[in-house]
PDB file of N, CA and C in Angstrom:
ATOM      1  N   MET A   1     -89.926 -46.348   0.018  1.00  0.00           N
ATOM      2  CA  MET A   1     -89.240 -46.932  -0.840  1.00  0.00           C
ATOM      3  C   MET A   1     -87.823 -47.342  -0.751  1.00  0.00           C
ATOM      4  N   ALA A   2     -87.434 -46.065  -0.622  1.00  0.00           N
ATOM      5  CA  ALA A   2     -85.636 -46.095  -0.531  1.00  0.00           C
ATOM      6  C   ALA A   2     -85.292 -46.839   0.576  1.00  0.00           C
ATOM      7  N   THR A   3     -86.071 -46.974   1.816  1.00  0.00           N
ATOM      8  CA  THR A   3     -85.309 -47.271   3.161  1.00  0.00           C
ATOM      9  C   THR A   3     -85.595 -48.326   2.453  1.00  0.00           C
ATOM     10  N   LYS A   4     -86.345 -49.127   2.020  1.00  0.00           N
ATOM     11  CA  LYS A   4     -85.984 -50.604   2.131  1.00  0.00           C
ATOM     12  C   LYS A   4     -84.408 -51.512   1.309  1.00  0.00           C
ATOM     13  N   TYR A   5     -84.446 -50.451   0.562  1.00  0.00           N
ATOM     14  CA  TYR A   5     -83.550 -50.532  -0.730  1.00  0.00           C
ATOM     15  C   TYR A   5     -82.060 -50.340   0.091  1.00  0.00           C
ATOM     16  N   ILE A   6     -81.886 -49.190   1.584  1.00  0.00           N
ATOM     17  CA  ILE A   6     -81.072 -48.549   2.166  1.00  0.00           C
ATOM     18  C   ILE A   6     -80.694 -50.063   3.332  1.00  0.00           C
ATOM     19  N   LEU A   7     -81.923 -50.025   3.939  1.00  0.00           N
ATOM     20  CA  LEU A   7     -81.783 -51.273   4.808  1.00  0.00           C
ATOM     21  C   LEU A   7     -81.482 -52.864   4.192  1.00  0.00           C
ATOM     22  N   GLY A   8     -81.678 -52.854   2.748  1.00  0.00           N
ATOM     23  CA  GLY A   8     -81.347 -54.182   2.072  1.00  0.00           C
ATOM     24  C   GLY A   8     -80.045 -54.387   1.577  1.00  0.00           C
ATOM     25  N   SER A   9     -79.391 -52.837   1.508  1.00  0.00           N
ATOM     26  CA  SER A   9     -77.984 -53.477   1.069  1.00  0.00           C
ATOM     27  C   SER A   9     -76.878 -53.110   2.426  1.00  0.00           C
ATOM     28  N   MET A  10     -77.609 -52.486   3.566  1.00  0.00           N
ATOM     29  CA  MET A  10     -77.244 -52.619   5.189  1.00  0.00           C
ATOM     30  C   MET A  10     -76.837 -54.033   5.479  1.00  0.00           C
ATOM     31  N   VAL A  11     -77.785 -54.458   5.439  1.00  0.00           N
ATOM     32  CA  VAL A  11     -77.926 -56.208   5.704  1.00  0.00           C
ATOM     33  C   VAL A  11     -76.780 -57.017   5.055  1.00  0.00           C
ATOM     34  N   ALA A  12     -77.122 -56.661   3.840  1.00  0.00           N
ATOM     35  CA  ALA A  12     -76.403 -57.351   2.639  1.00  0.00           C
ATOM     36  C   ALA A  12     -75.285 -57.425   2.842  1.00  0.00           C
ATOM     37  N   ALA A  13     -74.245 -56.044   2.474  1.00  0.00           N
ATOM     38  CA  ALA A  13     -73.217 -55.403   3.323  1.00  0.00           C
ATOM     39  C   ALA A  13     -72.510 -56.668   4.778  1.00  0.00           C
ATOM     40  N   THR A  14     -73.489 -56.380   5.927  1.00  0.00           N
ATOM     41  CA  THR A  14     -72.739 -56.675   6.995  1.00  0.00           C
ATOM     42  C   THR A  14     -72.393 -58.290   6.621  1.00  0.00           C
ATOM     43  N   VAL A  15     -73.341 -59.122   6.331  1.00  0.00           N
ATOM     44  CA  VAL A  15     -73.291 -60.324   6.134  1.00  0.00           C
ATOM     45  C   VAL A  15     -72.130 -61.041   5.204  1.00  0.00           C
ATOM     46  N   VAL A  16     -72.112 -59.485   4.373  1.00  0.00           N
ATOM     47  CA  VAL A  16     -70.659 -60.384   3.227  1.00  0.00           C
ATOM     48  C   VAL A  16     -69.448 -59.681   4.146  1.00  0.00           C
ATOM     49  N   ALA A  17     -69.681 -58.958   4.672  1.00  0.00           N
ATOM     50  CA  ALA A  17     -68.480 -58.703   5.775  1.00  0.00           C
ATOM     51  C   ALA A  17     -68.264 -59.869   7.076  1.00  0.00           C
ATOM     52  N   PHE A  18     -68.910 -59.967   7.536  1.00  0.00           N
ATOM     53  CA  PHE A  18     -68.671 -60.860   8.001  1.00  0.00           C
ATOM     54  C   PHE A  18     -68.662 -62.436   7.721  1.00  0.00           C
ATOM     55  N   SER A  19     -68.884 -62.774   6.214  1.00  0.00           N
ATOM     56  CA  SER A  19     -68.763 -64.484   5.446  1.00  0.00           C
ATOM     57  C   SER A  19     -66.734 -64.050   5.313  1.00  0.00           C
ATOM     58  N   MET A  20     -67.194 -62.481   4.747  1.00  0.00           N
ATOM     59  CA  MET A  20     -65.319 -62.743   4.357  1.00  0.00           C
ATOM     60  C   MET A  20     -64.383 -62.406   5.560  1.00  0.00           C
ATOM     61  N   ASP A  21     -64.598 -62.147   6.299  1.00  0.00           N
ATOM     62  CA  ASP A  21     -63.300 -62.458   7.872  1.00  0.00           C
ATOM     63  C   ASP A  21     -63.497 -63.678   8.552  1.00  0.00           C
ATOM     64  N   TYR A  22     -64.768 -64.323   8.027  1.00  0.00           N
ATOM     65  CA  TYR A  22     -64.914 -66.036   8.577  1.00  0.00           C
ATOM     66  C   TYR A  22     -63.671 -66.804   7.790  1.00  0.00           C
ATOM     67  N   LEU A  23     -64.209 -66.306   6.946  1.00  0.00           N
ATOM     68  CA  LEU A  23     -63.684 -67.444   5.719  1.00  0.00           C
ATOM     69  C   LEU A  23     -61.671 -66.986   5.518  1.00  0.00           C
ATOM     70  N   ILE A  24     -61.698 -65.098   6.099  1.00  0.00           N
ATOM     71  CA  ILE A  24     -60.140 -65.114   6.372  1.00  0.00           C
ATOM     72  C   ILE A  24     -59.484 -65.495   7.254  1.00  0.00           C
ATOM     73  N   ALA A  25     -59.667 -65.328   8.282  1.00  0.00           N
ATOM     74  CA  ALA A  25     -59.573 -65.168   9.652  1.00  0.00           C
ATOM     75  C   ALA A  25     -59.747 -66.333   9.868  1.00  0.00           C
ATOM     76  N   ASP A  26     -60.880 -66.748  10.119  1.00  0.00           N
ATOM     77  CA  ASP A  26     -60.643 -68.170  10.898  1.00  0.00           C
ATOM     78  C   ASP A  26     -60.418 -69.602  10.127  1.00  0.00           C
ATOM     79  N   LYS A  27     -60.913 -69.446   9.217  1.00  0.00           N
ATOM     80  CA  LYS A  27     -60.470 -70.905   7.818  1.00  0.00           C
ATOM     81  C   LYS A  27     -59.764 -70.325   7.253  1.00  0.00           C
ATOM     82  N   LYS A  28     -59.143 -69.553   7.315  1.00  0.00           N
ATOM     83  CA  LYS A  28     -57.672 -68.990   6.621  1.00  0.00           C
ATOM     84  C   LYS A  28     -57.342 -70.227   5.427  1.00  0.00           C
ATOM     85  N   ILE A  29     -57.795 -69.519   3.972  1.00  0.00           N
ATOM     86  CA  ILE A  29     -58.446 -69.773   2.772  1.00  0.00           C
ATOM     87  C   ILE A  29     -56.819 -69.100   2.184  1.00  0.00           C
ATOM     88  N   PHE A  30     -56.677 -68.512   2.568  1.00  0.00           N
ATOM     89  CA  PHE A  30     -55.129 -68.106   1.973  1.00  0.00           C
ATOM     90  C   PHE A  30     -54.130 -68.262   2.313  1.00  0.00           C
ATOM     91  N   GLY A  31     -54.471 -69.855   3.939  1.00  0.00           N
ATOM     92  CA  GLY A  31     -53.189 -70.376   4.557  1.00  0.00           C
ATOM     93  C   GLY A  31     -52.518 -69.627   5.286  1.00  0.00           C
ATOM     94  N   GLY A  32     -51.963 -70.013   5.903  1.00  0.00           N
ATOM     95  CA  GLY A  32     -51.304 -69.740   7.245  1.00  0.00           C
ATOM     96  C   GLY A  32     -51.927 -70.515   8.541  1.00  0.00           C
ATOM     97  N   THR A  33     -50.658 -69.985   9.751  1.00  0.00           N
ATOM     98  CA  THR A  33     -51.526 -70.267  11.182  1.00  0.00           C
ATOM     99  C   THR A  33     -51.667 -69.750  11.831  1.00  0.00           C
ATOM    100  N   THR A  34     -52.280 -69.355  12.844  1.00  0.00           N
ATOM    101  CA  THR A  34     -52.574 -68.713  14.133  1.00  0.00           C
ATOM    102  C   THR A  34     -51.495 -69.326  14.776  1.00  0.00           C
ATOM    103  N   PRO A  35     -50.990 -67.882  14.602  1.00  0.00           N
ATOM    104  CA  PRO A  35     -49.706 -68.179  16.140  1.00  0.00           C
ATOM    105  C   PRO A  35     -49.397 -68.221  17.145  1.00  0.00           C
ATOM    106  N   LYS A  36     -48.307 -68.934  17.587  1.00  0.00           N
ATOM    107  CA  LYS A  36     -48.294 -69.786  19.141  1.00  0.00           C
ATOM    108  C   LYS A  36     -48.759 -68.169  19.787  1.00  0.00           C
ATOM    109  N   THR A  37     -48.389 -66.837  19.859  1.00  0.00           N
ATOM    110  CA  THR A  37     -48.419 -66.154  20.860  1.00  0.00           C
ATOM    111  C   THR A  37     -50.235 -65.669  21.121  1.00  0.00           C
ATOM    112  N   VAL A  38     -50.977 -65.849  20.412  1.00  0.00           N
ATOM    113  CA  VAL A  38     -52.335 -66.009  20.334  1.00  0.00           C
ATOM    114  C   VAL A  38     -53.194 -67.116  20.805  1.00  0.00           C
ATOM    115  N   ALA A  39     -52.560 -68.024  20.489  1.00  0.00           N
ATOM    116  CA  ALA A  39     -53.325 -69.680  20.789  1.00  0.00           C
ATOM    117  C   ALA A  39     -52.934 -70.187  21.978  1.00  0.00           C
ATOM    118  N   SER A  40     -51.563 -69.746  22.718  1.00  0.00           N
ATOM    119  CA  SER A  40     -51.080 -70.005  23.954  1.00  0.00           C
ATOM    120  C   SER A  40     -52.253 -69.467  25.206  1.00  0.00           C
ATOM    121  N   LYS A  41     -52.434 -70.217  26.395  1.00  0.00           N
ATOM    122  CA  LYS A  41     -52.406 -69.934  27.528  1.00  0.00           C
ATOM    123  C   LYS A  41     -51.301 -69.026  28.191  1.00  0.00           C
ATOM    124  N   GLU A  42     -50.428 -70.314  28.045  1.00  0.00           N
ATOM    125  CA  GLU A  42     -48.734 -70.011  28.876  1.00  0.00           C
ATOM    126  C   GLU A  42     -48.301 -68.615  28.009  1.00  0.00           C
ATOM    127  N   TRP A  43     -48.449 -68.641  27.134  1.00  0.00           N
ATOM    128  CA  TRP A  43     -47.707 -66.537  26.823  1.00  0.00           C
ATOM    129  C   TRP A  43     -48.812 -66.177  27.295  1.00  0.00           C
ATOM    130  N   LEU A  44     -50.029 -65.803  26.879  1.00  0.00           N
ATOM    131  CA  LEU A  44     -50.909 -65.334  27.846  1.00  0.00           C
ATOM    132  C   LEU A  44     -50.303 -65.124  29.409  1.00  0.00           C
ATOM    133  N   GLU A  45     -50.482 -65.880  30.090  1.00  0.00           N
ATOM    134  CA  GLU A  45     -50.144 -65.748  31.366  1.00  0.00           C
ATOM    135  C   GLU A  45     -48.270 -64.999  31.959  1.00  0.00           C
ATOM    136  N   GLU A  46     -47.440 -65.628  30.771  1.00  0.00           N
ATOM    137  CA  GLU A  46     -46.149 -65.088  31.248  1.00  0.00           C
ATOM    138  C   GLU A  46     -45.789 -63.324  30.961  1.00  0.00           C
ATOM    139  N   THR A  47     -46.875 -62.809  29.565  1.00  0.00           N
ATOM    140  CA  THR A  47     -47.294 -61.516  29.288  1.00  0.00           C
ATOM    141  C   THR A  47     -48.019 -60.877  30.371  1.00  0.00           C
ATOM    142  N   ASP A  48     -48.693 -61.366  30.687  1.00  0.00           N
ATOM    143  CA  ASP A  48     -49.229 -60.742  32.201  1.00  0.00           C
ATOM    144  C   ASP A  48     -48.561 -60.750  32.885  1.00  0.00           C
ATOM    145  N   LYS A  49     -47.921 -61.148  33.401  1.00  0.00           N
ATOM    146  CA  LYS A  49     -47.156 -61.565  34.644  1.00  0.00           C
ATOM    147  C   LYS A  49     -45.828 -60.486  33.748  1.00  0.00           C
ATOM    148  N   LYS A  50     -45.425 -60.022  32.843  1.00  0.00           N
ATOM    149  CA  LYS A  50     -44.275 -58.871  32.721  1.00  0.00           C
ATOM    150  C   LYS A  50     -44.992 -57.844  33.079  1.00  0.00           C
ATOM    151  N   PHE A  51     -46.006 -57.678  32.203  1.00  0.00           N
ATOM    152  CA  PHE A  51     -47.206 -56.381  32.571  1.00  0.00           C
ATOM    153  C   PHE A  51     -47.062 -55.868  33.979  1.00  0.00           C
ATOM    154  N   GLN A  52     -47.705 -56.742  34.338  1.00  0.00           N
ATOM    155  CA  GLN A  52     -47.869 -56.047  36.210  1.00  0.00           C
ATOM    156  C   GLN A  52     -46.200 -56.302  37.051  1.00  0.00           C
ATOM    157  N   ALA A  53     -45.238 -57.110  36.313  1.00  0.00           N
ATOM    158  CA  ALA A  53     -43.816 -56.397  36.920  1.00  0.00           C
ATOM    159  C   ALA A  53     -43.642 -55.081  36.186  1.00  0.00           C
ATOM    160  N   TRP A  54     -43.782 -54.549  35.402  1.00  0.00           N
ATOM    161  CA  TRP A  54     -43.128 -53.033  35.281  1.00  0.00           C
ATOM    162  C   TRP A  54     -43.503 -51.999  36.222  1.00  0.00           C
ATOM    163  N   PRO A  55     -42.431 -51.199  36.728  1.00  0.00           N
ATOM    164  CA  PRO A  55     -42.397 -50.203  37.704  1.00  0.00           C
ATOM    165  C   PRO A  55     -43.163 -49.169  37.364  1.00  0.00           C
ATOM    166  N   ARG A  56     -44.068 -48.052  38.132  1.00  0.00           N
ATOM    167  CA  ARG A  56     -44.832 -47.440  37.251  1.00  0.00           C
ATOM    168  C   ARG A  56     -43.980 -46.080  38.743  1.00  0.00           C
ATOM    169  N   THR A  57     -43.754 -44.990  37.870  1.00  0.00           N
ATOM    170  CA  THR A  57     -43.449 -43.911  38.690  1.00  0.00           C
ATOM    171  C   THR A  57     -43.584 -42.679  39.090  1.00  0.00           C
ATOM    172  N   ALA A  58     -45.118 -42.621  38.243  1.00  0.00           N
ATOM    173  CA  ALA A  58     -46.370 -41.952  38.572  1.00  0.00           C
ATOM    174  C   ALA A  58     -47.738 -42.432  39.457  1.00  0.00           C
ATOM    175  N   GLY A  59     -47.828 -42.041  40.652  1.00  0.00           N
ATOM    176  CA  GLY A  59     -49.170 -42.220  40.697  1.00  0.00           C
ATOM    177  C   GLY A  59     -49.624 -44.009  41.753  1.00  0.00           C
ATOM    178  N   PRO A  60     -50.747 -43.504  41.608  1.00  0.00           N
ATOM    179  CA  PRO A  60     -50.677 -45.301  42.750  1.00  0.00           C
ATOM    180  C   PRO A  60     -50.585 -46.160  41.755  1.00  0.00           C
ATOM    181  N   PRO A  61     -50.357 -47.693  41.986  1.00  0.00           N
ATOM    182  CA  PRO A  61     -50.359 -48.593  41.127  1.00  0.00           C
ATOM    183  C   PRO A  61     -51.646 -49.405  40.262  1.00  0.00           C
ATOM    184  N   VAL A  62     -51.639 -49.402  39.330  1.00  0.00           N
ATOM    185  CA  VAL A  62     -52.650 -49.723  38.530  1.00  0.00           C
ATOM    186  C   VAL A  62     -52.461 -50.857  37.954  1.00  0.00           C
ATOM    187  N   VAL A  63     -53.473 -51.616  37.439  1.00  0.00           N
ATOM    188  CA  VAL A  63     -53.659 -52.705  36.824  1.00  0.00           C
ATOM    189  C   VAL A  63     -53.422 -52.292  35.238  1.00  0.00           C
ATOM    190  N   MET A  64     -52.742 -53.182  34.490  1.00  0.00           N
ATOM    191  CA  MET A  64     -51.836 -52.699  33.277  1.00  0.00           C
ATOM    192  C   MET A  64     -53.277 -52.763  32.227  1.00  0.00           C
ATOM    193  N   ASN A  65     -54.170 -54.087  32.724  1.00  0.00           N
ATOM    194  CA  ASN A  65     -55.102 -54.067  30.885  1.00  0.00           C
ATOM    195  C   ASN A  65     -56.266 -54.336  32.035  1.00  0.00           C
ATOM    196  N   PRO A  66     -57.152 -53.111  33.009  1.00  0.00           N
ATOM    197  CA  PRO A  66     -58.181 -52.538  33.541  1.00  0.00           C
ATOM    198  C   PRO A  66     -59.459 -53.125  32.786  1.00  0.00           C
ATOM    199  N   ILE A  67     -59.429 -53.523  31.710  1.00  0.00           N
ATOM    200  CA  ILE A  67     -61.100 -54.058  30.875  1.00  0.00           C
ATOM    201  C   ILE A  67     -61.401 -55.103  31.505  1.00  0.00           C
ATOM    202  N   SER A  68     -60.123 -56.279  31.180  1.00  0.00           N
ATOM    203  CA  SER A  68     -59.851 -57.679  31.826  1.00  0.00           C
ATOM    204  C   SER A  68     -60.535 -58.154  33.325  1.00  0.00           C
ATOM    205  N   ARG A  69     -60.178 -56.998  33.702  1.00  0.00           N
ATOM    206  CA  ARG A  69     -59.854 -57.138  35.290  1.00  0.00           C
ATOM    207  C   ARG A  69     -60.919 -56.794  36.188  1.00  0.00           C
ATOM    208  N   GLN A  70     -61.372 -55.572  35.203  1.00  0.00           N
ATOM    209  CA  GLN A  70     -62.855 -55.039  36.187  1.00  0.00           C
ATOM    210  C   GLN A  70     -62.544 -54.380  37.322  1.00  0.00           C
ATOM    211  N   ASN A  71     -61.118 -53.780  37.782  1.00  0.00           N
ATOM    212  CA  ASN A  71     -60.826 -53.384  38.978  1.00  0.00           C
ATOM    213  C   ASN A  71     -59.961 -52.320  38.226  1.00  0.00           C
ATOM    214  N   PHE A  72     -60.046 -51.017  38.492  1.00  0.00           N
ATOM    215  CA  PHE A  72     -59.196 -49.989  37.728  1.00  0.00           C
ATOM    216  C   PHE A  72     -57.864 -49.346  38.747  1.00  0.00           C
ATOM    217  N   ILE A  73     -58.140 -49.388  40.385  1.00  0.00           N
ATOM    218  CA  ILE A  73     -56.920 -49.092  40.999  1.00  0.00           C
ATOM    219  C   ILE A  73     -56.560 -49.948  41.966  1.00  0.00           C
ATOM    220  N   VAL A  74     -55.585 -51.085  41.736  1.00  0.00           N
ATOM    221  CA  VAL A  74     -55.431 -51.756  43.261  1.00  0.00           C
ATOM    222  C   VAL A  74     -54.647 -50.269  44.058  1.00  0.00           C
ATOM    223  N   LYS A  75     -54.855 -50.556  45.423  1.00  0.00           N
ATOM    224  CA  LYS A  75     -54.846 -50.264  46.115  1.00  0.00           C
ATOM    225  C   LYS A  75     -53.507 -50.735  47.032  1.00  0.00           C
ATOM    226  N   SER A  76     -52.719 -50.222  47.454  1.00  0.00           N
ATOM    227  CA  SER A  76     -51.418 -50.926  48.046  1.00  0.00           C
ATOM    228  C   SER A  76     -52.038 -50.878  49.937  1.00  0.00           C
ATOM    229  N   ARG A  77     -52.618 -50.041  50.460  1.00  0.00           N
ATOM    230  CA  ARG A  77     -52.663 -50.048  52.098  1.00  0.00           C
ATOM    231  C   ARG A  77     -54.290 -49.807  51.500  1.00  0.00           C
ATOM    232  N   THR A  78     -55.278 -49.823  52.843  1.00  0.00           N
ATOM    233  CA  THR A  78     -56.280 -49.437  53.266  1.00  0.00           C
ATOM    234  C   THR A  78     -56.289 -47.852  53.771  1.00  0.00           C
ATOM    235  N   ASP A  79     -57.396 -47.003  53.193  1.00  0.00           N
ATOM    236  CA  ASP A  79     -57.702 -46.134  53.522  1.00  0.00           C
ATOM    237  C   ASP A  79     -58.823 -45.722  54.544  1.00  0.00           C
ATOM    238  N   SER A  80     -58.298 -44.756  55.477  1.00  0.00           N
ATOM    239  CA  SER A  80     -58.994 -44.887  56.728  1.00  0.00           C
ATOM    240  C   SER A  80     -60.093 -43.556  56.570  1.00  0.00           C
TER     241      SER A  80
END
């Protein structure tokens, strides 16, 4: 008996949370705009170039954002 109330309240809370997130963040009901740093592909590309240009002092070179690239270690030479 209590299970249906618990599950029902969890579903209702999820729907309310999703709806409020959508209204506040996407529809901007309190005003505001999406910053250019988030919306611009050019900004993302330049930021990625900057991250890749940073020198590393320890260990082999790695990609700064491995999740988006799906390769974790960049090898500068082939191992025999």
